[in-house]
């Protein structure tokens, strides 16, 4: 399977090549009209052959552009798939490292909340807006340092509600996303 960058290059090259060859075929045909002798017939045949090659390359360009469009649509209409876990980084102050791995390398927006037993909130930082993560540009897995209020943790139970959605969710999924619940019991 050809990667997307190579397809883009092939699309550009075939587009320019078909236009150049069509121009060349037209010039040769024009020369054949002006020159009725043997040279004119050769130009006419060469122009016809080049025109066929140009149209074939143009058809290839159309196919490549269609493949690029279908790949872009498939990319945009697929939900991100992630996996997540956390480990304790520090107990004083209580900090956990939340590691989020993208399984299909799709960019996503995310937000999270932290809870303890009976879903009581324990965060020390309030998140106002979604964050963006693009695993194609950033290091995968994403590591988020989560600071928690140790006094609010009941029986060492920590629950992270990680909400995420495609960056194209407004356009293709009515703004809907998914969530993942990561839980564990800490030794404090």
N, C-alpha and C. Protein backbone atom coordinates (compact mmCIF):
# COMPACT_ATOMS: atom_id res chain seq x y z
N UNK A 1 0.85 -1.18 0.00
CA UNK A 1 0.00 0.00 0.00
C UNK A 1 0.89 1.24 0.00
N UNK A 2 0.55 2.18 -0.83
CA UNK A 2 1.32 3.41 -0.96
C UNK A 2 0.92 4.37 0.16
N UNK A 3 1.92 5.01 0.80
CA UNK A 3 1.61 5.94 1.88
C UNK A 3 1.02 7.23 1.31
N UNK A 4 0.41 8.03 2.18
CA UNK A 4 -0.31 9.24 1.76
C UNK A 4 0.59 10.28 1.12
N UNK A 5 1.81 10.45 1.63
CA UNK A 5 2.74 11.44 1.05
C UNK A 5 3.10 11.07 -0.38
N UNK A 6 3.34 9.79 -0.63
CA UNK A 6 3.67 9.34 -1.98
C UNK A 6 2.49 9.52 -2.93
N UNK A 7 1.28 9.29 -2.41
CA UNK A 7 0.08 9.50 -3.24
C UNK A 7 -0.07 10.98 -3.62
N UNK A 8 0.18 11.86 -2.66
CA UNK A 8 0.11 13.30 -2.94
C UNK A 8 1.11 13.68 -4.03
N UNK A 9 2.33 13.17 -3.93
CA UNK A 9 3.37 13.45 -4.92
C UNK A 9 2.97 12.89 -6.28
N UNK A 10 2.47 11.66 -6.30
CA UNK A 10 2.04 11.05 -7.55
C UNK A 10 0.91 11.85 -8.19
N UNK A 11 0.00 12.34 -7.39
CA UNK A 11 -1.10 13.16 -7.89
C UNK A 11 -0.58 14.43 -8.56
N UNK A 12 0.36 15.10 -7.92
CA UNK A 12 0.94 16.33 -8.47
C UNK A 12 1.70 16.05 -9.76
N UNK A 13 2.55 15.03 -9.74
CA UNK A 13 3.36 14.70 -10.92
C UNK A 13 2.47 14.31 -12.10
N UNK A 14 1.48 13.46 -11.88
CA UNK A 14 0.62 13.04 -12.99
C UNK A 14 -0.21 14.19 -13.53
N UNK A 15 -0.63 15.09 -12.64
CA UNK A 15 -1.39 16.26 -13.11
C UNK A 15 -0.56 17.14 -14.03
N UNK A 16 0.66 17.46 -13.60
CA UNK A 16 1.54 18.29 -14.43
C UNK A 16 1.97 17.56 -15.70
N UNK A 17 2.28 16.26 -15.58
CA UNK A 17 2.74 15.50 -16.75
C UNK A 17 1.65 15.43 -17.81
N UNK A 18 0.41 15.18 -17.41
CA UNK A 18 -0.66 15.09 -18.41
C UNK A 18 -0.90 16.44 -19.09
N UNK A 19 -0.80 17.52 -18.33
CA UNK A 19 -0.98 18.85 -18.93
C UNK A 19 0.15 19.16 -19.90
N UNK A 20 1.39 18.85 -19.51
CA UNK A 20 2.54 19.10 -20.39
C UNK A 20 2.45 18.26 -21.66
N UNK A 21 2.13 16.99 -21.52
CA UNK A 21 2.04 16.12 -22.70
C UNK A 21 0.89 16.53 -23.61
N UNK A 22 -0.21 16.97 -23.05
CA UNK A 22 -1.33 17.44 -23.88
C UNK A 22 -0.91 18.68 -24.66
N UNK A 23 -0.17 19.58 -24.03
CA UNK A 23 0.35 20.77 -24.72
C UNK A 23 1.30 20.37 -25.84
N UNK A 24 2.20 19.42 -25.56
CA UNK A 24 3.14 18.94 -26.57
C UNK A 24 2.40 18.29 -27.74
N UNK A 25 1.38 17.50 -27.45
CA UNK A 25 0.59 16.86 -28.52
C UNK A 25 -0.09 17.93 -29.38
N UNK A 26 -0.61 18.96 -28.74
CA UNK A 26 -1.24 20.04 -29.49
C UNK A 26 -0.25 20.76 -30.38
N UNK A 27 0.96 21.01 -29.88
CA UNK A 27 2.00 21.66 -30.69
C UNK A 27 2.38 20.80 -31.89
N UNK A 28 2.55 19.51 -31.67
CA UNK A 28 2.90 18.61 -32.78
C UNK A 28 1.78 18.55 -33.81
N UNK A 29 0.56 18.56 -33.37
CA UNK A 29 -0.57 18.56 -34.30
C UNK A 29 -0.60 19.85 -35.11
N UNK A 30 -0.30 20.97 -34.45
CA UNK A 30 -0.25 22.25 -35.14
C UNK A 30 0.86 22.24 -36.21
N UNK A 31 2.03 21.67 -35.87
CA UNK A 31 3.13 21.57 -36.84
C UNK A 31 2.71 20.71 -38.01
N UNK A 32 1.98 19.63 -37.74
CA UNK A 32 1.57 18.74 -38.84
C UNK A 32 0.60 19.44 -39.79
N UNK A 33 -0.20 20.36 -39.29
CA UNK A 33 -1.13 21.12 -40.15
C UNK A 33 -0.33 22.04 -41.07
N UNK A 34 0.69 22.68 -40.53
CA UNK A 34 1.51 23.62 -41.31
C UNK A 34 2.41 22.91 -42.32
N UNK A 35 2.81 21.69 -42.00
CA UNK A 35 3.76 20.98 -42.86
C UNK A 35 3.10 19.71 -43.37
N UNK A 36 2.73 19.69 -44.62
CA UNK A 36 2.00 18.56 -45.21
C UNK A 36 2.92 17.44 -45.69
N UNK A 37 4.20 17.62 -45.61
CA UNK A 37 5.12 16.61 -46.11
C UNK A 37 5.30 15.51 -45.09
N UNK A 38 6.30 14.68 -45.31
CA UNK A 38 6.58 13.52 -44.46
C UNK A 38 6.77 13.94 -42.99
N UNK A 39 7.47 15.04 -42.77
CA UNK A 39 7.70 15.53 -41.42
C UNK A 39 6.36 15.83 -40.73
N UNK A 40 5.41 16.35 -41.46
CA UNK A 40 4.09 16.67 -40.92
C UNK A 40 3.35 15.42 -40.49
N UNK A 41 3.47 14.34 -41.27
CA UNK A 41 2.80 13.08 -40.90
C UNK A 41 3.43 12.48 -39.65
N UNK A 42 4.75 12.58 -39.55
CA UNK A 42 5.43 12.07 -38.36
C UNK A 42 4.96 12.85 -37.13
N UNK A 43 4.88 14.18 -37.26
CA UNK A 43 4.41 15.01 -36.15
C UNK A 43 2.98 14.67 -35.77
N UNK A 44 2.15 14.39 -36.77
CA UNK A 44 0.76 14.03 -36.51
C UNK A 44 0.67 12.73 -35.70
N UNK A 45 1.41 11.72 -36.13
CA UNK A 45 1.42 10.44 -35.41
C UNK A 45 2.00 10.58 -34.00
N UNK A 46 3.09 11.31 -33.89
CA UNK A 46 3.68 11.52 -32.57
C UNK A 46 2.72 12.28 -31.66
N UNK A 47 2.06 13.28 -32.21
CA UNK A 47 1.09 14.04 -31.43
C UNK A 47 -0.06 13.16 -30.96
N UNK A 48 -0.54 12.26 -31.84
CA UNK A 48 -1.64 11.36 -31.47
C UNK A 48 -1.21 10.41 -30.35
N UNK A 49 0.01 9.86 -30.48
CA UNK A 49 0.51 8.94 -29.44
C UNK A 49 0.70 9.67 -28.12
N UNK A 50 1.27 10.87 -28.19
CA UNK A 50 1.47 11.65 -26.96
C UNK A 50 0.13 12.03 -26.34
N UNK A 51 -0.86 12.31 -27.16
CA UNK A 51 -2.19 12.65 -26.64
C UNK A 51 -2.80 11.45 -25.90
N UNK A 52 -2.60 10.25 -26.43
CA UNK A 52 -3.09 9.04 -25.76
C UNK A 52 -2.38 8.85 -24.42
N UNK A 53 -1.05 9.04 -24.41
CA UNK A 53 -0.29 8.92 -23.17
C UNK A 53 -0.74 9.98 -22.17
N UNK A 54 -0.95 11.20 -22.65
CA UNK A 54 -1.39 12.29 -21.76
C UNK A 54 -2.74 11.98 -21.14
N UNK A 55 -3.67 11.45 -21.95
CA UNK A 55 -4.99 11.14 -21.41
C UNK A 55 -4.91 9.97 -20.42
N UNK A 56 -4.02 9.02 -20.67
CA UNK A 56 -3.84 7.90 -19.73
C UNK A 56 -3.29 8.40 -18.40
N UNK A 57 -2.31 9.30 -18.47
CA UNK A 57 -1.74 9.87 -17.24
C UNK A 57 -2.80 10.71 -16.52
N UNK A 58 -3.60 11.44 -17.29
CA UNK A 58 -4.69 12.22 -16.69
C UNK A 58 -5.69 11.32 -15.98
N UNK A 59 -6.00 10.18 -16.58
CA UNK A 59 -6.91 9.21 -15.95
C UNK A 59 -6.29 8.66 -14.66
N UNK A 60 -4.98 8.37 -14.69
CA UNK A 60 -4.29 7.92 -13.49
C UNK A 60 -4.35 8.99 -12.39
N UNK A 61 -4.21 10.24 -12.77
CA UNK A 61 -4.29 11.34 -11.82
C UNK A 61 -5.67 11.38 -11.15
N UNK A 62 -6.71 11.15 -11.94
CA UNK A 62 -8.08 11.12 -11.40
C UNK A 62 -8.23 9.98 -10.39
N UNK A 63 -7.68 8.80 -10.73
CA UNK A 63 -7.75 7.65 -9.82
C UNK A 63 -6.99 7.93 -8.51
N UNK A 64 -5.82 8.52 -8.63
CA UNK A 64 -5.01 8.84 -7.44
C UNK A 64 -5.75 9.83 -6.56
N UNK A 65 -6.33 10.87 -7.17
CA UNK A 65 -7.07 11.86 -6.38
C UNK A 65 -8.28 11.22 -5.69
N UNK A 66 -8.92 10.26 -6.36
CA UNK A 66 -10.04 9.54 -5.74
C UNK A 66 -9.58 8.73 -4.54
N UNK A 67 -8.42 8.08 -4.65
CA UNK A 67 -7.88 7.31 -3.53
C UNK A 67 -7.52 8.23 -2.37
N UNK A 68 -6.94 9.39 -2.67
CA UNK A 68 -6.60 10.36 -1.62
C UNK A 68 -7.87 10.81 -0.89
N UNK A 69 -8.91 11.11 -1.66
CA UNK A 69 -10.18 11.56 -1.04
C UNK A 69 -10.80 10.47 -0.17
N UNK A 70 -10.77 9.23 -0.64
CA UNK A 70 -11.38 8.15 0.15
C UNK A 70 -10.57 7.89 1.42
N UNK A 71 -9.25 8.01 1.35
CA UNK A 71 -8.43 7.84 2.55
C UNK A 71 -8.68 8.96 3.55
N UNK A 72 -8.82 10.19 3.06
CA UNK A 72 -9.10 11.31 3.95
C UNK A 72 -10.44 11.13 4.65
N UNK A 73 -11.45 10.68 3.90
CA UNK A 73 -12.77 10.46 4.49
C UNK A 73 -12.71 9.34 5.53
N UNK A 74 -12.01 8.25 5.20
CA UNK A 74 -11.88 7.15 6.16
C UNK A 74 -11.16 7.61 7.43
N UNK A 75 -10.15 8.45 7.27
CA UNK A 75 -9.40 8.99 8.40
C UNK A 75 -10.30 9.83 9.29
N UNK A 76 -11.11 10.67 8.66
CA UNK A 76 -11.95 11.59 9.41
C UNK A 76 -13.17 10.91 10.04
N UNK A 77 -13.61 9.80 9.48
CA UNK A 77 -14.83 9.14 9.98
C UNK A 77 -14.54 7.95 10.89
N UNK A 78 -13.32 7.82 11.34
CA UNK A 78 -12.95 6.73 12.26
C UNK A 78 -12.73 7.32 13.65
N UNK A 79 -13.31 6.67 14.64
CA UNK A 79 -13.10 7.10 16.03
C UNK A 79 -11.69 6.74 16.47
N UNK A 80 -11.07 7.59 17.28
CA UNK A 80 -9.77 7.22 17.85
C UNK A 80 -9.94 6.02 18.79
N UNK A 81 -8.96 5.15 18.77
CA UNK A 81 -8.94 4.02 19.70
C UNK A 81 -7.75 4.24 20.63
N UNK A 82 -8.03 4.20 21.93
CA UNK A 82 -6.95 4.47 22.89
C UNK A 82 -6.93 3.41 23.99
N UNK A 83 -5.82 3.38 24.68
CA UNK A 83 -5.64 2.55 25.86
C UNK A 83 -4.98 3.45 26.90
N UNK A 84 -5.31 3.28 28.16
CA UNK A 84 -4.76 4.16 29.19
C UNK A 84 -4.50 3.41 30.48
N UNK A 85 -3.54 3.92 31.22
CA UNK A 85 -3.21 3.39 32.55
C UNK A 85 -2.54 4.50 33.34
N UNK A 86 -2.42 4.30 34.66
CA UNK A 86 -1.70 5.31 35.44
C UNK A 86 -0.79 4.64 36.46
N UNK A 87 0.23 5.39 36.85
CA UNK A 87 1.17 4.96 37.89
C UNK A 87 1.39 6.14 38.82
N UNK A 88 1.75 5.84 40.05
CA UNK A 88 2.01 6.89 41.03
C UNK A 88 3.40 7.44 40.77
N UNK A 89 3.48 8.74 40.59
CA UNK A 89 4.77 9.41 40.38
C UNK A 89 5.32 9.91 41.70
N UNK A 90 4.42 10.43 42.53
CA UNK A 90 4.84 10.99 43.82
C UNK A 90 3.68 10.88 44.80
N UNK A 91 4.00 10.66 46.09
CA UNK A 91 2.94 10.62 47.10
C UNK A 91 2.86 11.92 47.89
N UNK A 92 3.92 12.71 47.87
CA UNK A 92 3.93 14.02 48.55
C UNK A 92 4.47 15.08 47.61
N UNK A 93 3.70 15.85 46.95
CA UNK A 93 2.25 15.82 46.81
C UNK A 93 1.84 14.62 45.94
N UNK A 94 0.57 14.27 46.01
CA UNK A 94 0.08 13.11 45.26
C UNK A 94 -0.02 13.46 43.77
N UNK A 95 0.83 12.80 42.99
CA UNK A 95 0.86 13.01 41.54
C UNK A 95 0.88 11.65 40.87
N UNK A 96 -0.01 11.47 39.90
CA UNK A 96 0.02 10.23 39.11
C UNK A 96 0.32 10.58 37.65
N UNK A 97 0.99 9.67 36.97
CA UNK A 97 1.23 9.79 35.53
C UNK A 97 0.19 8.98 34.81
N UNK A 98 -0.63 9.66 34.04
CA UNK A 98 -1.65 9.00 33.22
C UNK A 98 -1.05 8.83 31.82
N UNK A 99 -0.90 7.58 31.39
CA UNK A 99 -0.34 7.29 30.06
C UNK A 99 -1.47 6.87 29.14
N UNK A 100 -1.62 7.61 28.04
CA UNK A 100 -2.67 7.35 27.06
C UNK A 100 -2.00 6.99 25.74
N UNK A 101 -2.28 5.80 25.25
CA UNK A 101 -1.68 5.33 24.00
C UNK A 101 -2.74 5.29 22.91
N UNK A 102 -2.44 5.90 21.78
CA UNK A 102 -3.33 5.84 20.63
C UNK A 102 -3.04 4.55 19.87
N UNK A 103 -4.07 3.73 19.66
CA UNK A 103 -3.89 2.46 18.95
C UNK A 103 -3.92 2.64 17.44
N UNK A 104 -4.64 3.66 16.96
CA UNK A 104 -4.77 3.83 15.50
C UNK A 104 -4.23 5.17 15.00
N UNK A 105 -3.43 5.86 15.83
CA UNK A 105 -2.75 7.10 15.44
C UNK A 105 -3.66 8.19 14.91
N UNK A 106 -4.87 8.27 15.44
CA UNK A 106 -5.79 9.34 15.03
C UNK A 106 -5.74 10.46 16.07
N UNK A 107 -5.73 11.70 15.63
CA UNK A 107 -5.73 12.83 16.58
C UNK A 107 -7.06 12.92 17.33
N UNK A 108 -6.99 13.38 18.58
CA UNK A 108 -8.21 13.50 19.36
C UNK A 108 -8.11 14.64 20.35
N UNK A 109 -9.29 15.09 20.79
CA UNK A 109 -9.41 16.06 21.87
C UNK A 109 -9.74 15.27 23.13
N UNK A 110 -9.24 15.74 24.26
CA UNK A 110 -9.51 15.00 25.48
C UNK A 110 -9.67 15.93 26.68
N UNK A 111 -10.27 15.36 27.70
CA UNK A 111 -10.42 16.00 28.99
C UNK A 111 -10.57 14.88 30.00
N UNK A 112 -10.31 15.15 31.25
CA UNK A 112 -10.41 14.10 32.26
C UNK A 112 -10.80 14.69 33.60
N UNK A 113 -11.35 13.83 34.44
CA UNK A 113 -11.69 14.18 35.81
C UNK A 113 -11.21 13.04 36.70
N UNK A 114 -10.93 13.37 37.95
CA UNK A 114 -10.48 12.35 38.89
C UNK A 114 -11.48 12.23 40.04
N UNK A 115 -11.69 10.99 40.45
CA UNK A 115 -12.67 10.70 41.52
C UNK A 115 -12.07 9.67 42.46
N UNK A 116 -12.75 9.51 43.59
CA UNK A 116 -12.38 8.45 44.53
C UNK A 116 -13.63 7.61 44.78
N UNK A 117 -13.61 6.80 45.82
CA UNK A 117 -14.73 5.93 46.15
C UNK A 117 -16.04 6.72 46.16
N UNK A 118 -17.10 6.11 45.67
CA UNK A 118 -18.43 6.73 45.58
C UNK A 118 -18.44 7.93 44.63
N UNK A 119 -17.48 7.98 43.72
CA UNK A 119 -17.38 9.01 42.67
C UNK A 119 -17.29 10.43 43.23
N UNK A 120 -16.61 10.59 44.34
CA UNK A 120 -16.38 11.92 44.90
C UNK A 120 -15.17 12.53 44.19
N UNK A 121 -15.29 13.77 43.71
CA UNK A 121 -14.18 14.41 42.98
C UNK A 121 -12.95 14.62 43.87
N UNK A 122 -11.75 14.43 43.29
CA UNK A 122 -10.51 14.65 44.04
C UNK A 122 -9.49 15.47 43.26
N UNK A 123 -9.92 16.20 42.29
CA UNK A 123 -8.92 16.93 41.51
C UNK A 123 -8.51 18.23 42.21
N UNK A 124 -7.29 18.60 41.91
CA UNK A 124 -6.80 19.86 42.46
C UNK A 124 -6.72 20.92 41.38
N UNK A 125 -6.94 20.51 40.12
CA UNK A 125 -6.92 21.43 38.99
C UNK A 125 -8.22 21.24 38.20
N UNK A 126 -8.85 22.33 37.83
CA UNK A 126 -10.08 22.25 37.04
C UNK A 126 -9.72 22.51 35.57
N UNK A 127 -10.18 21.63 34.70
CA UNK A 127 -9.92 21.76 33.27
C UNK A 127 -11.10 22.47 32.60
N UNK A 128 -10.82 23.58 31.97
CA UNK A 128 -11.88 24.39 31.39
C UNK A 128 -12.17 23.98 29.94
N UNK A 129 -11.14 23.60 29.20
CA UNK A 129 -11.36 23.25 27.79
C UNK A 129 -10.65 21.95 27.45
N UNK A 130 -11.02 21.40 26.30
CA UNK A 130 -10.39 20.17 25.82
C UNK A 130 -8.97 20.43 25.36
N UNK A 131 -8.13 19.44 25.53
CA UNK A 131 -6.77 19.47 25.03
C UNK A 131 -6.72 18.68 23.73
N UNK A 132 -5.71 18.94 22.92
CA UNK A 132 -5.56 18.25 21.65
C UNK A 132 -4.31 17.38 21.69
N UNK A 133 -4.44 16.16 21.17
CA UNK A 133 -3.28 15.28 21.04
C UNK A 133 -3.30 14.67 19.65
N UNK A 134 -2.18 14.83 18.94
CA UNK A 134 -2.03 14.24 17.61
C UNK A 134 -0.82 13.29 17.65
N UNK A 135 -1.07 11.98 17.72
CA UNK A 135 0.04 11.02 17.85
C UNK A 135 0.96 10.99 16.64
N UNK A 136 0.54 11.55 15.52
CA UNK A 136 1.42 11.60 14.34
C UNK A 136 2.49 12.68 14.51
N UNK A 137 2.20 13.69 15.34
CA UNK A 137 3.14 14.80 15.53
C UNK A 137 3.81 14.77 16.90
N UNK A 138 3.14 14.20 17.89
CA UNK A 138 3.65 14.18 19.26
C UNK A 138 4.07 12.76 19.63
N UNK A 139 4.76 12.68 20.73
CA UNK A 139 5.21 11.38 21.22
C UNK A 139 4.01 10.57 21.70
N UNK A 140 3.95 9.32 21.25
CA UNK A 140 2.90 8.40 21.65
C UNK A 140 3.55 7.33 22.50
N UNK A 141 3.19 7.11 23.75
CA UNK A 141 1.97 7.54 24.41
C UNK A 141 2.06 8.96 24.98
N UNK A 142 0.89 9.52 25.15
CA UNK A 142 0.75 10.81 25.80
C UNK A 142 0.85 10.58 27.31
N UNK A 143 1.66 11.37 27.98
CA UNK A 143 1.77 11.26 29.44
C UNK A 143 1.25 12.55 30.06
N UNK A 144 0.27 12.39 30.93
CA UNK A 144 -0.35 13.54 31.60
C UNK A 144 -0.05 13.43 33.09
N UNK A 145 0.50 14.49 33.63
CA UNK A 145 0.77 14.53 35.07
C UNK A 145 -0.49 15.05 35.76
N UNK A 146 -1.09 14.20 36.59
CA UNK A 146 -2.34 14.54 37.27
C UNK A 146 -2.05 14.77 38.75
N UNK A 147 -2.30 15.99 39.21
CA UNK A 147 -2.10 16.33 40.63
C UNK A 147 -3.43 16.13 41.35
N UNK A 148 -3.38 15.37 42.44
CA UNK A 148 -4.59 15.05 43.18
C UNK A 148 -4.49 15.57 44.61
N UNK A 149 -5.64 15.84 45.20
CA UNK A 149 -5.69 16.24 46.61
C UNK A 149 -5.71 14.97 47.44
N UNK A 150 -4.60 14.66 48.06
CA UNK A 150 -4.41 13.41 48.80
C UNK A 150 -5.44 13.26 49.93
N UNK A 151 -5.83 14.38 50.54
CA UNK A 151 -6.79 14.35 51.65
C UNK A 151 -8.16 13.85 51.22
N UNK A 152 -8.49 13.99 49.93
CA UNK A 152 -9.82 13.60 49.45
C UNK A 152 -9.87 12.15 48.95
N UNK A 153 -8.72 11.49 48.86
CA UNK A 153 -8.69 10.11 48.39
C UNK A 153 -9.19 9.19 49.51
N UNK A 154 -10.24 8.43 49.21
CA UNK A 154 -10.84 7.53 50.20
C UNK A 154 -10.36 6.11 49.93
N UNK A 155 -9.77 5.48 50.95
CA UNK A 155 -9.30 4.09 50.90
C UNK A 155 -8.32 3.85 49.74
N UNK A 156 -7.61 4.87 49.31
CA UNK A 156 -6.61 4.72 48.25
C UNK A 156 -7.18 4.52 46.86
N UNK A 157 -8.49 4.66 46.70
CA UNK A 157 -9.13 4.40 45.40
C UNK A 157 -9.10 5.67 44.55
N UNK A 158 -8.53 5.53 43.35
CA UNK A 158 -8.48 6.63 42.39
C UNK A 158 -9.13 6.16 41.09
N UNK A 159 -10.03 6.98 40.59
CA UNK A 159 -10.72 6.69 39.32
C UNK A 159 -10.52 7.89 38.41
N UNK A 160 -10.05 7.63 37.21
CA UNK A 160 -9.89 8.70 36.20
C UNK A 160 -10.93 8.46 35.12
N UNK A 161 -11.74 9.46 34.88
CA UNK A 161 -12.70 9.42 33.78
C UNK A 161 -12.07 10.22 32.64
N UNK A 162 -11.64 9.52 31.61
CA UNK A 162 -10.95 10.13 30.48
C UNK A 162 -11.92 10.20 29.30
N UNK A 163 -12.30 11.43 28.94
CA UNK A 163 -13.23 11.65 27.81
C UNK A 163 -12.42 12.07 26.59
N UNK A 164 -12.76 11.50 25.45
CA UNK A 164 -12.03 11.85 24.23
C UNK A 164 -12.97 11.77 23.03
N UNK A 165 -12.61 12.52 22.00
CA UNK A 165 -13.39 12.50 20.76
C UNK A 165 -12.49 12.89 19.60
N UNK A 166 -12.88 12.48 18.44
CA UNK A 166 -12.15 12.80 17.22
C UNK A 166 -12.13 14.31 17.02
N UNK A 167 -11.05 14.82 16.42
CA UNK A 167 -11.03 16.25 16.12
C UNK A 167 -12.05 16.60 15.04
N UNK A 168 -12.58 15.58 14.38
CA UNK A 168 -13.61 15.78 13.36
C UNK A 168 -15.00 15.40 13.88
N UNK A 169 -15.15 15.28 15.20
CA UNK A 169 -16.41 14.80 15.76
C UNK A 169 -17.58 15.73 15.47
N UNK A 170 -17.34 17.03 15.42
CA UNK A 170 -18.43 17.96 15.13
C UNK A 170 -18.97 17.74 13.72
N UNK A 171 -18.08 17.44 12.80
CA UNK A 171 -18.45 17.27 11.40
C UNK A 171 -19.06 15.89 11.11
N UNK A 172 -18.54 14.84 11.76
CA UNK A 172 -18.94 13.49 11.40
C UNK A 172 -19.68 12.70 12.48
N UNK A 173 -19.58 13.10 13.74
CA UNK A 173 -20.17 12.31 14.83
C UNK A 173 -21.11 13.13 15.71
N UNK A 174 -21.64 14.23 15.20
CA UNK A 174 -22.53 15.11 15.97
C UNK A 174 -21.92 15.55 17.30
N UNK A 175 -20.61 15.71 17.30
CA UNK A 175 -19.92 16.18 18.49
C UNK A 175 -19.73 15.14 19.58
N UNK A 176 -20.16 13.91 19.32
CA UNK A 176 -20.09 12.87 20.34
C UNK A 176 -18.72 12.22 20.38
N UNK A 177 -18.33 11.82 21.56
CA UNK A 177 -17.07 11.14 21.76
C UNK A 177 -17.25 9.88 22.58
N UNK A 178 -16.16 9.43 23.16
CA UNK A 178 -16.18 8.22 23.98
C UNK A 178 -15.51 8.54 25.31
N UNK A 179 -15.54 7.59 26.21
CA UNK A 179 -14.84 7.78 27.48
C UNK A 179 -14.22 6.45 27.92
N UNK A 180 -13.24 6.58 28.77
CA UNK A 180 -12.53 5.42 29.30
C UNK A 180 -12.39 5.65 30.80
N UNK A 181 -12.63 4.61 31.57
CA UNK A 181 -12.49 4.71 33.02
C UNK A 181 -11.28 3.90 33.43
N UNK A 182 -10.33 4.59 34.09
CA UNK A 182 -9.10 3.97 34.56
C UNK A 182 -9.14 4.04 36.08
N UNK A 183 -9.05 2.90 36.73
CA UNK A 183 -9.14 2.92 38.20
C UNK A 183 -8.03 2.09 38.82
N UNK A 184 -7.75 2.38 40.05
CA UNK A 184 -6.74 1.62 40.77
C UNK A 184 -6.76 1.96 42.25
N UNK A 185 -6.14 1.09 43.03
CA UNK A 185 -6.03 1.32 44.48
C UNK A 185 -4.59 1.64 44.78
N UNK A 186 -4.37 2.80 45.39
CA UNK A 186 -3.02 3.26 45.70
C UNK A 186 -2.64 2.89 47.12
N UNK A 187 -1.35 2.68 47.31
CA UNK A 187 -0.82 2.46 48.68
C UNK A 187 -0.30 3.80 49.15
N UNK A 188 -1.04 4.45 50.01
CA UNK A 188 -0.65 5.79 50.47
C UNK A 188 -0.10 5.80 51.87
